[in-house]
């Protein structure tokens, strides 16, 4: 199934708010699909010029944005692992 750019952006925003796994469940799309959209979106943001001007991002800014995206993804994975172990202990 093909999704439009607007849907993808809304899905990415939703995953930022409620988490990647929950957004996938709510929207009925595969986890890997939304994760790929997020990676592509973050790469595009890094390569685009700043919105406030025509100046391209400095190498340091690109590096920091990439690192921030990676840390955000790592955080989501850790949240899911935490939920898994908490639910497992409750049983």
PDB file of N, CA and C in Angstrom:
ATOM      1  N   UNK A   1       0.843  -1.178   0.000  1.00  0.00           N
ATOM      2  CA  UNK A   1       0.000   0.000   0.000  1.00  0.00           C
ATOM      3  C   UNK A   1       0.887   1.241   0.000  1.00  0.00           C
ATOM      4  N   UNK A   2       0.492   2.251  -0.768  1.00  0.00           N
ATOM      5  CA  UNK A   2       1.253   3.492  -0.837  1.00  0.00           C
ATOM      6  C   UNK A   2       0.587   4.548   0.029  1.00  0.00           C
ATOM      7  N   UNK A   3       1.423   5.292   0.729  1.00  0.00           N
ATOM      8  CA  UNK A   3       0.934   6.339   1.613  1.00  0.00           C
ATOM      9  C   UNK A   3       1.432   7.683   1.105  1.00  0.00           C
ATOM     10  N   UNK A   4       0.603   8.701   1.287  1.00  0.00           N
ATOM     11  CA  UNK A   4       0.976  10.041   0.865  1.00  0.00           C
ATOM     12  C   UNK A   4       1.930  10.695   1.834  1.00  0.00           C
ATOM     13  N   UNK A   5       2.575  11.753   1.368  1.00  0.00           N
ATOM     14  CA  UNK A   5       3.557  12.480   2.182  1.00  0.00           C
ATOM     15  C   UNK A   5       2.902  13.044   3.451  1.00  0.00           C
ATOM     16  N   UNK A   6       1.692  13.563   3.311  1.00  0.00           N
ATOM     17  CA  UNK A   6       0.996  14.153   4.459  1.00  0.00           C
ATOM     18  C   UNK A   6       0.721  13.097   5.534  1.00  0.00           C
ATOM     19  N   UNK A   7       0.274  11.908   5.104  1.00  0.00           N
ATOM     20  CA  UNK A   7       0.016  10.825   6.049  1.00  0.00           C
ATOM     21  C   UNK A   7       1.299  10.425   6.767  1.00  0.00           C
ATOM     22  N   UNK A   8       2.378  10.325   6.008  1.00  0.00           N
ATOM     23  CA  UNK A   8       3.668   9.941   6.602  1.00  0.00           C
ATOM     24  C   UNK A   8       4.108  10.961   7.662  1.00  0.00           C
ATOM     25  N   UNK A   9       3.966  12.245   7.339  1.00  0.00           N
ATOM     26  CA  UNK A   9       4.350  13.296   8.288  1.00  0.00           C
ATOM     27  C   UNK A   9       3.498  13.231   9.552  1.00  0.00           C
ATOM     28  N   UNK A  10       2.200  13.009   9.383  1.00  0.00           N
ATOM     29  CA  UNK A  10       1.316  12.902  10.546  1.00  0.00           C
ATOM     30  C   UNK A  10       1.660  11.671  11.373  1.00  0.00           C
ATOM     31  N   UNK A  11       2.001  10.575  10.715  1.00  0.00           N
ATOM     32  CA  UNK A  11       2.384   9.356  11.425  1.00  0.00           C
ATOM     33  C   UNK A  11       3.672   9.574  12.210  1.00  0.00           C
ATOM     34  N   UNK A  12       4.629  10.279  11.621  1.00  0.00           N
ATOM     35  CA  UNK A  12       5.891  10.575  12.307  1.00  0.00           C
ATOM     36  C   UNK A  12       5.626  11.452  13.516  1.00  0.00           C
ATOM     37  N   UNK A  13       4.789  12.465  13.354  1.00  0.00           N
ATOM     38  CA  UNK A  13       4.455  13.348  14.478  1.00  0.00           C
ATOM     39  C   UNK A  13       3.747  12.580  15.589  1.00  0.00           C
ATOM     40  N   UNK A  14       2.840  11.693  15.216  1.00  0.00           N
ATOM     41  CA  UNK A  14       2.138  10.885  16.204  1.00  0.00           C
ATOM     42  C   UNK A  14       3.119   9.985  16.950  1.00  0.00           C
ATOM     43  N   UNK A  15       4.065   9.399  16.220  1.00  0.00           N
ATOM     44  CA  UNK A  15       5.045   8.519  16.877  1.00  0.00           C
ATOM     45  C   UNK A  15       5.940   9.300  17.829  1.00  0.00           C
ATOM     46  N   UNK A  16       6.180  10.573  17.529  1.00  0.00           N
ATOM     47  CA  UNK A  16       6.942  11.418  18.460  1.00  0.00           C
ATOM     48  C   UNK A  16       6.161  11.640  19.750  1.00  0.00           C
ATOM     49  N   UNK A  17       4.852  11.744  19.624  1.00  0.00           N
ATOM     50  CA  UNK A  17       4.005  12.018  20.783  1.00  0.00           C
ATOM     51  C   UNK A  17       3.739  10.785  21.647  1.00  0.00           C
ATOM     52  N   UNK A  18       3.377   9.672  21.006  1.00  0.00           N
ATOM     53  CA  UNK A  18       2.933   8.505  21.791  1.00  0.00           C
ATOM     54  C   UNK A  18       3.871   7.308  21.701  1.00  0.00           C
ATOM     55  N   UNK A  19       4.918   7.427  20.922  1.00  0.00           N
ATOM     56  CA  UNK A  19       5.857   6.322  20.786  1.00  0.00           C
ATOM     57  C   UNK A  19       5.652   5.573  19.488  1.00  0.00           C
ATOM     58  N   UNK A  20       6.709   5.002  19.008  1.00  0.00           N
ATOM     59  CA  UNK A  20       6.700   4.334  17.717  1.00  0.00           C
ATOM     60  C   UNK A  20       5.758   3.135  17.681  1.00  0.00           C
ATOM     61  N   UNK A  21       5.854   2.276  18.672  1.00  0.00           N
ATOM     62  CA  UNK A  21       5.039   1.062  18.675  1.00  0.00           C
ATOM     63  C   UNK A  21       3.553   1.395  18.782  1.00  0.00           C
ATOM     64  N   UNK A  22       3.200   2.313  19.676  1.00  0.00           N
ATOM     65  CA  UNK A  22       1.799   2.678  19.845  1.00  0.00           C
ATOM     66  C   UNK A  22       1.239   3.321  18.582  1.00  0.00           C
ATOM     67  N   UNK A  23       2.035   4.159  17.930  1.00  0.00           N
ATOM     68  CA  UNK A  23       1.584   4.794  16.690  1.00  0.00           C
ATOM     69  C   UNK A  23       1.333   3.738  15.617  1.00  0.00           C
ATOM     70  N   UNK A  24       2.209   2.741  15.540  1.00  0.00           N
ATOM     71  CA  UNK A  24       2.024   1.660  14.559  1.00  0.00           C
ATOM     72  C   UNK A  24       0.734   0.896  14.829  1.00  0.00           C
ATOM     73  N   UNK A  25       0.498   0.593  16.087  1.00  0.00           N
ATOM     74  CA  UNK A  25      -0.724  -0.126  16.441  1.00  0.00           C
ATOM     75  C   UNK A  25      -1.962   0.701  16.119  1.00  0.00           C
ATOM     76  N   UNK A  26      -1.908   1.971  16.453  1.00  0.00           N
ATOM     77  CA  UNK A  26      -3.063   2.845  16.237  1.00  0.00           C
ATOM     78  C   UNK A  26      -3.345   3.055  14.753  1.00  0.00           C
ATOM     79  N   UNK A  27      -2.287   3.154  13.946  1.00  0.00           N
ATOM     80  CA  UNK A  27      -2.464   3.435  12.523  1.00  0.00           C
ATOM     81  C   UNK A  27      -2.575   2.171  11.676  1.00  0.00           C
ATOM     82  N   UNK A  28      -2.219   1.031  12.259  1.00  0.00           N
ATOM     83  CA  UNK A  28      -2.300  -0.226  11.520  1.00  0.00           C
ATOM     84  C   UNK A  28      -1.211  -0.398  10.478  1.00  0.00           C
ATOM     85  N   UNK A  29      -0.030   0.132  10.777  1.00  0.00           N
ATOM     86  CA  UNK A  29       1.092  -0.034   9.849  1.00  0.00           C
ATOM     87  C   UNK A  29       2.223  -0.775  10.554  1.00  0.00           C
ATOM     88  N   UNK A  30       3.099  -1.357   9.774  1.00  0.00           N
ATOM     89  CA  UNK A  30       4.200  -2.144  10.322  1.00  0.00           C
ATOM     90  C   UNK A  30       5.219  -1.245  11.025  1.00  0.00           C
ATOM     91  N   UNK A  31       5.792  -1.783  12.096  1.00  0.00           N
ATOM     92  CA  UNK A  31       6.789  -1.059  12.886  1.00  0.00           C
ATOM     93  C   UNK A  31       7.961  -0.623  12.008  1.00  0.00           C
ATOM     94  N   UNK A  32       8.458  -1.542  11.191  1.00  0.00           N
ATOM     95  CA  UNK A  32       9.596  -1.243  10.324  1.00  0.00           C
ATOM     96  C   UNK A  32       9.301  -0.152   9.315  1.00  0.00           C
ATOM     97  N   UNK A  33       8.058  -0.104   8.849  1.00  0.00           N
ATOM     98  CA  UNK A  33       7.664   0.917   7.881  1.00  0.00           C
ATOM     99  C   UNK A  33       7.761   2.305   8.487  1.00  0.00           C
ATOM    100  N   UNK A  34       7.166   2.478   9.657  1.00  0.00           N
ATOM    101  CA  UNK A  34       7.201   3.789  10.304  1.00  0.00           C
ATOM    102  C   UNK A  34       8.621   4.145  10.742  1.00  0.00           C
ATOM    103  N   UNK A  35       9.381   3.170  11.193  1.00  0.00           N
ATOM    104  CA  UNK A  35      10.775   3.426  11.581  1.00  0.00           C
ATOM    105  C   UNK A  35      11.575   3.915  10.368  1.00  0.00           C
ATOM    106  N   UNK A  36      11.338   3.320   9.196  1.00  0.00           N
ATOM    107  CA  UNK A  36      12.022   3.752   7.979  1.00  0.00           C
ATOM    108  C   UNK A  36      11.617   5.174   7.595  1.00  0.00           C
ATOM    109  N   UNK A  37      10.321   5.475   7.735  1.00  0.00           N
ATOM    110  CA  UNK A  37       9.867   6.835   7.431  1.00  0.00           C
ATOM    111  C   UNK A  37      10.569   7.846   8.325  1.00  0.00           C
ATOM    112  N   UNK A  38      10.697   7.503   9.604  1.00  0.00           N
ATOM    113  CA  UNK A  38      11.353   8.421  10.543  1.00  0.00           C
ATOM    114  C   UNK A  38      12.812   8.631  10.176  1.00  0.00           C
ATOM    115  N   UNK A  39      13.500   7.559   9.806  1.00  0.00           N
ATOM    116  CA  UNK A  39      14.904   7.688   9.415  1.00  0.00           C
ATOM    117  C   UNK A  39      15.040   8.569   8.187  1.00  0.00           C
ATOM    118  N   UNK A  40      14.199   8.350   7.194  1.00  0.00           N
ATOM    119  CA  UNK A  40      14.240   9.152   5.969  1.00  0.00           C
ATOM    120  C   UNK A  40      13.935  10.618   6.270  1.00  0.00           C
ATOM    121  N   UNK A  41      12.931  10.839   7.106  1.00  0.00           N
ATOM    122  CA  UNK A  41      12.549  12.202   7.476  1.00  0.00           C
ATOM    123  C   UNK A  41      13.706  12.917   8.167  1.00  0.00           C
ATOM    124  N   UNK A  42      14.374  12.223   9.077  1.00  0.00           N
ATOM    125  CA  UNK A  42      15.499  12.831   9.788  1.00  0.00           C
ATOM    126  C   UNK A  42      16.670  13.108   8.851  1.00  0.00           C
ATOM    127  N   UNK A  43      16.919  12.229   7.893  1.00  0.00           N
ATOM    128  CA  UNK A  43      17.987  12.466   6.914  1.00  0.00           C
ATOM    129  C   UNK A  43      17.676  13.691   6.063  1.00  0.00           C
ATOM    130  N   UNK A  44      16.414  13.827   5.658  1.00  0.00           N
ATOM    131  CA  UNK A  44      16.013  14.983   4.852  1.00  0.00           C
ATOM    132  C   UNK A  44      16.202  16.278   5.633  1.00  0.00           C
ATOM    133  N   UNK A  45      15.808  16.259   6.906  1.00  0.00           N
ATOM    134  CA  UNK A  45      15.950  17.459   7.732  1.00  0.00           C
ATOM    135  C   UNK A  45      17.413  17.853   7.878  1.00  0.00           C
ATOM    136  N   UNK A  46      18.274  16.872   7.980  1.00  0.00           N
ATOM    137  CA  UNK A  46      19.699  17.158   8.149  1.00  0.00           C
ATOM    138  C   UNK A  46      20.277  17.783   6.881  1.00  0.00           C
ATOM    139  N   UNK A  47      19.850  17.309   5.730  1.00  0.00           N
ATOM    140  CA  UNK A  47      20.423  17.783   4.471  1.00  0.00           C
ATOM    141  C   UNK A  47      19.809  19.087   3.966  1.00  0.00           C
ATOM    142  N   UNK A  48      18.622  19.457   4.479  1.00  0.00           N
ATOM    143  CA  UNK A  48      17.959  20.688   4.034  1.00  0.00           C
ATOM    144  C   UNK A  48      18.573  21.912   4.729  1.00  0.00           C
ATOM    145  N   UNK A  49      18.508  23.067   4.060  1.00  0.00           N
ATOM    146  CA  UNK A  49      18.953  24.306   4.707  1.00  0.00           C
ATOM    147  C   UNK A  49      18.027  24.690   5.862  1.00  0.00           C
ATOM    148  N   UNK A  50      18.523  25.553   6.723  1.00  0.00           N
ATOM    149  CA  UNK A  50      17.708  26.038   7.834  1.00  0.00           C
ATOM    150  C   UNK A  50      16.468  26.734   7.303  1.00  0.00           C
ATOM    151  N   UNK A  51      15.380  26.643   8.053  1.00  0.00           N
ATOM    152  CA  UNK A  51      14.131  27.287   7.629  1.00  0.00           C
ATOM    153  C   UNK A  51      14.194  28.805   7.787  1.00  0.00           C
ATOM    154  N   UNK A  52      15.030  29.288   8.681  1.00  0.00           N
ATOM    155  CA  UNK A  52      15.080  30.726   8.944  1.00  0.00           C
ATOM    156  C   UNK A  52      15.896  31.476   7.913  1.00  0.00           C
ATOM    157  N   UNK A  53      16.663  30.786   7.104  1.00  0.00           N
ATOM    158  CA  UNK A  53      17.476  31.447   6.095  1.00  0.00           C
ATOM    159  C   UNK A  53      17.889  30.479   5.016  1.00  0.00           C
ATOM    160  N   UNK A  54      18.711  30.973   4.124  1.00  0.00           N
ATOM    161  CA  UNK A  54      19.157  30.137   3.019  1.00  0.00           C
ATOM    162  C   UNK A  54      20.488  29.455   3.302  1.00  0.00           C
ATOM    163  N   UNK A  55      21.029  29.680   4.474  1.00  0.00           N
ATOM    164  CA  UNK A  55      22.325  29.100   4.804  1.00  0.00           C
ATOM    165  C   UNK A  55      22.186  27.603   5.064  1.00  0.00           C
ATOM    166  N   UNK A  56      23.070  26.802   4.480  1.00  0.00           N
ATOM    167  CA  UNK A  56      23.021  25.361   4.771  1.00  0.00           C
ATOM    168  C   UNK A  56      23.501  25.093   6.195  1.00  0.00           C
ATOM    169  N   UNK A  57      23.136  23.944   6.704  1.00  0.00           N
ATOM    170  CA  UNK A  57      23.561  23.570   8.047  1.00  0.00           C
ATOM    171  C   UNK A  57      25.062  23.346   8.074  1.00  0.00           C
ATOM    172  N   UNK A  58      25.672  23.703   9.190  1.00  0.00           N
ATOM    173  CA  UNK A  58      27.097  23.427   9.346  1.00  0.00           C
ATOM    174  C   UNK A  58      27.282  21.934   9.590  1.00  0.00           C
ATOM    175  N   UNK A  59      28.489  21.475   9.412  1.00  0.00           N
ATOM    176  CA  UNK A  59      28.785  20.058   9.638  1.00  0.00           C
ATOM    177  C   UNK A  59      28.476  19.678  11.082  1.00  0.00           C
ATOM    178  N   UNK A  60      28.752  20.577  12.005  1.00  0.00           N
ATOM    179  CA  UNK A  60      28.483  20.299  13.425  1.00  0.00           C
ATOM    180  C   UNK A  60      26.987  20.155  13.655  1.00  0.00           C
ATOM    181  N   UNK A  61      26.188  21.041  13.046  1.00  0.00           N
ATOM    182  CA  UNK A  61      24.736  20.966  13.189  1.00  0.00           C
ATOM    183  C   UNK A  61      24.192  19.672  12.595  1.00  0.00           C
ATOM    184  N   UNK A  62      24.720  19.270  11.436  1.00  0.00           N
ATOM    185  CA  UNK A  62      24.302  18.011  10.824  1.00  0.00           C
ATOM    186  C   UNK A  62      24.627  16.840  11.732  1.00  0.00           C
ATOM    187  N   UNK A  63      25.827  16.860  12.290  1.00  0.00           N
ATOM    188  CA  UNK A  63      26.256  15.778  13.179  1.00  0.00           C
ATOM    189  C   UNK A  63      25.364  15.719  14.419  1.00  0.00           C
ATOM    190  N   UNK A  64      25.062  16.866  14.994  1.00  0.00           N
ATOM    191  CA  UNK A  64      24.218  16.913  16.187  1.00  0.00           C
ATOM    192  C   UNK A  64      22.790  16.459  15.893  1.00  0.00           C
ATOM    193  N   UNK A  65      22.252  16.837  14.744  1.00  0.00           N
ATOM    194  CA  UNK A  65      20.905  16.414  14.388  1.00  0.00           C
ATOM    195  C   UNK A  65      20.860  14.905  14.159  1.00  0.00           C
ATOM    196  N   UNK A  66      21.888  14.366  13.524  1.00  0.00           N
ATOM    197  CA  UNK A  66      21.949  12.924  13.298  1.00  0.00           C
ATOM    198  C   UNK A  66      22.050  12.192  14.633  1.00  0.00           C
ATOM    199  N   UNK A  67      22.924  12.689  15.498  1.00  0.00           N
ATOM    200  CA  UNK A  67      23.083  12.075  16.821  1.00  0.00           C
ATOM    201  C   UNK A  67      21.776  12.143  17.607  1.00  0.00           C
ATOM    202  N   UNK A  68      21.078  13.260  17.526  1.00  0.00           N
ATOM    203  CA  UNK A  68      19.813  13.425  18.221  1.00  0.00           C
ATOM    204  C   UNK A  68      18.778  12.416  17.713  1.00  0.00           C
ATOM    205  N   UNK A  69      18.725  12.225  16.399  1.00  0.00           N
ATOM    206  CA  UNK A  69      17.782  11.258  15.817  1.00  0.00           C
ATOM    207  C   UNK A  69      18.111   9.846  16.282  1.00  0.00           C
ATOM    208  N   UNK A  70      19.396   9.502  16.311  1.00  0.00           N
ATOM    209  CA  UNK A  70      19.813   8.170  16.758  1.00  0.00           C
ATOM    210  C   UNK A  70      19.465   7.955  18.230  1.00  0.00           C
ATOM    211  N   UNK A  71      19.698   8.971  19.044  1.00  0.00           N
ATOM    212  CA  UNK A  71      19.378   8.865  20.470  1.00  0.00           C
ATOM    213  C   UNK A  71      17.881   8.736  20.686  1.00  0.00           C
ATOM    214  N   UNK A  72      17.096   9.436  19.878  1.00  0.00           N
ATOM    215  CA  UNK A  72      15.640   9.338  19.986  1.00  0.00           C
ATOM    216  C   UNK A  72      15.180   7.914  19.669  1.00  0.00           C
ATOM    217  N   UNK A  73      15.744   7.328  18.628  1.00  0.00           N
ATOM    218  CA  UNK A  73      15.389   5.955  18.267  1.00  0.00           C
ATOM    219  C   UNK A  73      15.808   4.973  19.361  1.00  0.00           C
ATOM    220  N   UNK A  74      17.001   5.173  19.903  1.00  0.00           N
ATOM    221  CA  UNK A  74      17.482   4.322  20.986  1.00  0.00           C
ATOM    222  C   UNK A  74      16.570   4.431  22.190  1.00  0.00           C
ATOM    223  N   UNK A  75      16.133   5.633  22.485  1.00  0.00           N
ATOM    224  CA  UNK A  75      15.219   5.867  23.600  1.00  0.00           C
ATOM    225  C   UNK A  75      13.918   5.103  23.406  1.00  0.00           C
ATOM    226  N   UNK A  76      13.386   5.106  22.187  1.00  0.00           N
ATOM    227  CA  UNK A  76      12.150   4.384  21.902  1.00  0.00           C
ATOM    228  C   UNK A  76      12.329   2.878  22.119  1.00  0.00           C
ATOM    229  N   UNK A  77      13.471   2.354  21.695  1.00  0.00           N
ATOM    230  CA  UNK A  77      13.756   0.927  21.879  1.00  0.00           C
ATOM    231  C   UNK A  77      13.832   0.598  23.366  1.00  0.00           C
ATOM    232  N   UNK A  78      14.500   1.452  24.132  1.00  0.00           N
ATOM    233  CA  UNK A  78      14.622   1.221  25.575  1.00  0.00           C
ATOM    234  C   UNK A  78      13.262   1.303  26.274  1.00  0.00           C
ATOM    235  N   UNK A  79      12.413   2.227  25.837  1.00  0.00           N
ATOM    236  CA  UNK A  79      11.069   2.325  26.417  1.00  0.00           C
ATOM    237  C   UNK A  79      10.284   1.042  26.174  1.00  0.00           C
ATOM    238  N   UNK A  80      10.374   0.513  24.952  1.00  0.00           N
ATOM    239  CA  UNK A  80       9.657  -0.721  24.631  1.00  0.00           C
ATOM    240  C   UNK A  80      10.196  -1.898  25.444  1.00  0.00           C
ATOM    241  N   UNK A  81      11.514  -1.970  25.611  1.00  0.00           N
ATOM    242  CA  UNK A  81      12.110  -3.045  26.402  1.00  0.00           C
ATOM    243  C   UNK A  81      11.657  -2.935  27.852  1.00  0.00           C
ATOM    244  N   UNK A  82      11.623  -1.727  28.378  1.00  0.00           N
ATOM    245  CA  UNK A  82      11.184  -1.502  29.749  1.00  0.00           C
ATOM    246  C   UNK A  82       9.741  -1.977  29.934  1.00  0.00           C
ATOM    247  N   UNK A  83       8.873  -1.588  28.978  1.00  0.00           N
ATOM    248  CA  UNK A  83       7.469  -2.014  29.057  1.00  0.00           C
ATOM    249  C   UNK A  83       7.355  -3.537  29.013  1.00  0.00           C
ATOM    250  N   UNK A  84       8.159  -4.169  28.180  1.00  0.00           N
ATOM    251  CA  UNK A  84       8.147  -5.619  28.070  1.00  0.00           C
ATOM    252  C   UNK A  84       8.492  -6.273  29.401  1.00  0.00           C
ATOM    253  N   UNK A  85       9.568  -5.798  30.028  1.00  0.00           N
ATOM    254  CA  UNK A  85       9.999  -6.400  31.282  1.00  0.00           C
ATOM    255  C   UNK A  85       9.048  -6.101  32.438  1.00  0.00           C
ATOM    256  N   UNK A  86       8.464  -4.933  32.448  1.00  0.00           N
ATOM    257  CA  UNK A  86       7.494  -4.599  33.485  1.00  0.00           C
ATOM    258  C   UNK A  86       6.271  -5.495  33.351  1.00  0.00           C
ATOM    259  N   UNK A  87       5.777  -5.642  32.141  1.00  0.00           N
ATOM    260  CA  UNK A  87       4.610  -6.501  31.922  1.00  0.00           C
ATOM    261  C   UNK A  87       4.927  -7.954  32.246  1.00  0.00           C
ATOM    262  N   UNK A  88       6.145  -8.394  31.966  1.00  0.00           N
ATOM    263  CA  UNK A  88       6.558  -9.768  32.236  1.00  0.00           C
ATOM    264  C   UNK A  88       6.608 -10.027  33.753  1.00  0.00           C
ATOM    265  N   UNK A  89       7.031  -9.031  34.527  1.00  0.00           N
ATOM    266  CA  UNK A  89       7.109  -9.187  35.990  1.00  0.00           C
ATOM    267  C   UNK A  89       5.739  -9.233  36.641  1.00  0.00           C
ATOM    268  N   UNK A  90       4.759  -8.598  36.010  1.00  0.00           N
ATOM    269  CA  UNK A  90       3.417  -8.552  36.572  1.00  0.00           C
ATOM    270  C   UNK A  90       2.701  -9.900  36.482  1.00  0.00           C
ATOM    271  N   UNK A  91       3.168 -10.748  35.624  1.00  0.00           N
ATOM    272  CA  UNK A  91       2.514 -12.048  35.425  1.00  0.00           C
ATOM    273  C   UNK A  91       2.861 -13.032  36.491  1.00  0.00           C
TER     274      UNK A  91
END
